[in-house]
Amino acid sequence: MTEPTWKAAEKALGRRVQDRRLSYTVLDDGAVIVNVTISSACSGCSETWEGHAPEECGSGCDSCGYTGRSRSTWGIPIEHYELSDDERRQRREMRRTAARIRERRRQRHA
């Protein structure tokens, strides 16, 4: 494994990554993993009763450092995380179309 940086990911992929703000890990077999961290209510201190939704934040315990929240990090293969070229083209075209529609509406109401 390498240090989790976008530079190492780009070197292993041979191309630019789509989002350099993320944390990437290159495994020994050359696979590139996107490190995704999620936060949720601590299971040790957020109580749920039958028929009730879990609380947004627990009351705090030793497990979560008395914050009521716990963090989990998951590794997702980059090919499942990033958009394909076709998907990126479609989204770019959708954004352009939406911008054109907004501009036409602005012109009508001006």
Protein backbone atom coordinates (compact mmCIF):
# COMPACT_ATOMS: atom_id res chain seq x y z
CA MET A 1 0.00 0.00 0.00
CA THR A 2 1.07 3.54 -0.68
CA GLU A 3 0.43 6.82 1.07
CA PRO A 4 -3.21 7.87 0.43
CA THR A 5 -2.74 10.69 -2.08
CA TRP A 6 -4.14 11.58 -5.46
CA LYS A 7 -0.60 11.68 -6.91
CA ALA A 8 -0.06 7.99 -6.20
CA ALA A 9 -3.52 7.19 -7.59
CA GLU A 10 -2.85 9.11 -10.82
CA LYS A 11 0.50 7.37 -11.25
CA ALA A 12 -1.11 3.93 -10.80
CA LEU A 13 -4.06 4.74 -13.10
CA GLY A 14 -2.01 6.48 -15.77
CA ARG A 15 -4.61 9.26 -15.93
CA ARG A 16 -5.97 12.11 -13.85
CA VAL A 17 -8.44 11.32 -11.06
CA GLN A 18 -11.78 13.14 -11.21
CA ASP A 19 -11.63 14.63 -7.70
CA ARG A 20 -8.29 15.50 -6.13
CA ARG A 21 -9.93 16.44 -2.81
CA LEU A 22 -10.55 12.76 -1.98
CA SER A 23 -8.19 10.32 -0.31
CA TYR A 24 -6.93 7.46 -2.49
CA THR A 25 -5.00 4.30 -1.64
CA VAL A 26 -3.07 2.16 -4.11
CA LEU A 27 -2.98 -1.49 -3.06
CA ASP A 28 -0.02 -3.79 -3.67
CA ASP A 29 -1.77 -5.36 -6.69
CA GLY A 30 -2.17 -1.90 -8.28
CA ALA A 31 -5.88 -1.47 -7.48
CA VAL A 32 -6.88 2.10 -6.61
CA ILE A 33 -9.29 2.57 -3.72
CA VAL A 34 -11.25 5.72 -2.80
CA ASN A 35 -11.36 6.20 0.99
CA VAL A 36 -14.83 7.38 2.01
CA THR A 37 -15.56 8.37 5.61
CA ILE A 38 -19.11 8.48 6.96
CA SER A 39 -20.42 9.73 10.29
CA SER A 40 -23.43 8.28 12.10
CA ALA A 41 -24.99 8.16 15.53
CA CYS A 42 -22.86 6.08 17.92
CA SER A 43 -24.35 2.61 18.36
CA GLY A 44 -23.05 2.50 21.91
CA CYS A 45 -24.98 5.48 23.25
CA SER A 46 -27.85 6.21 20.83
CA GLU A 47 -30.74 4.15 22.08
CA THR A 48 -33.51 2.94 19.83
CA TRP A 49 -36.78 1.58 21.10
CA GLU A 50 -39.05 -0.67 19.14
CA GLY A 51 -41.00 1.41 16.65
CA HIS A 52 -38.82 4.52 17.07
CA ALA A 53 -36.24 5.88 14.66
CA PRO A 54 -32.65 6.05 15.93
CA GLU A 55 -31.55 9.37 17.36
CA GLU A 56 -29.46 11.67 15.18
CA CYS A 57 -26.79 11.88 17.86
CA GLY A 58 -26.16 9.75 20.92
CA SER A 59 -25.71 11.05 24.44
CA GLY A 60 -21.99 10.24 24.48
CA CYS A 61 -19.97 7.31 25.74
CA ASP A 62 -16.38 6.04 25.98
CA SER A 63 -16.61 4.43 22.55
CA CYS A 64 -17.32 7.68 20.68
CA GLY A 65 -15.27 10.00 22.87
CA TYR A 66 -18.44 11.52 24.34
CA THR A 67 -19.44 13.11 21.06
CA GLY A 68 -22.44 10.89 20.31
CA ARG A 69 -21.16 10.30 16.75
CA SER A 70 -18.96 7.58 15.31
CA ARG A 71 -16.93 7.62 12.09
CA SER A 72 -16.34 4.73 9.72
CA THR A 73 -14.02 4.65 6.72
CA TRP A 74 -14.74 2.42 3.75
CA GLY A 75 -12.64 1.64 0.70
CA ILE A 76 -14.49 1.72 -2.62
CA PRO A 77 -12.79 0.62 -5.87
CA ILE A 78 -12.32 3.69 -8.06
CA GLU A 79 -14.15 2.16 -11.02
CA HIS A 80 -17.31 1.98 -8.86
CA TYR A 81 -16.89 5.54 -7.55
CA GLU A 82 -16.00 7.67 -10.57
CA LEU A 83 -18.31 8.41 -13.47
CA SER A 84 -17.58 6.96 -16.90
CA ASP A 85 -16.79 9.32 -19.80
CA ASP A 86 -20.34 8.88 -21.17
CA GLU A 87 -21.90 9.68 -17.79
CA ARG A 88 -19.72 12.79 -17.46
CA ARG A 89 -20.74 13.93 -20.97
CA GLN A 90 -24.43 13.40 -20.14
CA ARG A 91 -24.17 15.40 -16.90
CA ARG A 92 -22.26 18.20 -18.63
CA GLU A 93 -24.95 18.38 -21.33
CA MET A 94 -27.70 18.40 -18.68
CA ARG A 95 -25.99 21.31 -16.89
CA ARG A 96 -25.68 23.24 -20.16
CA THR A 97 -29.34 22.63 -21.00
CA ALA A 98 -30.42 23.76 -17.53
CA ALA A 99 -28.30 26.91 -17.87
CA ARG A 100 -29.91 27.68 -21.26
CA ILE A 101 -33.39 27.22 -19.79
CA ARG A 102 -32.58 29.52 -16.85
CA GLU A 103 -31.23 32.17 -19.23
CA ARG A 104 -34.36 32.04 -21.41
CA ARG A 105 -36.58 32.39 -18.34
CA ARG A 106 -34.51 35.37 -17.18
CA GLN A 107 -34.87 37.03 -20.59
CA ARG A 108 -38.66 36.49 -20.61
CA HIS A 109 -39.11 38.01 -17.16
CA ALA A 110 -36.78 40.96 -17.78
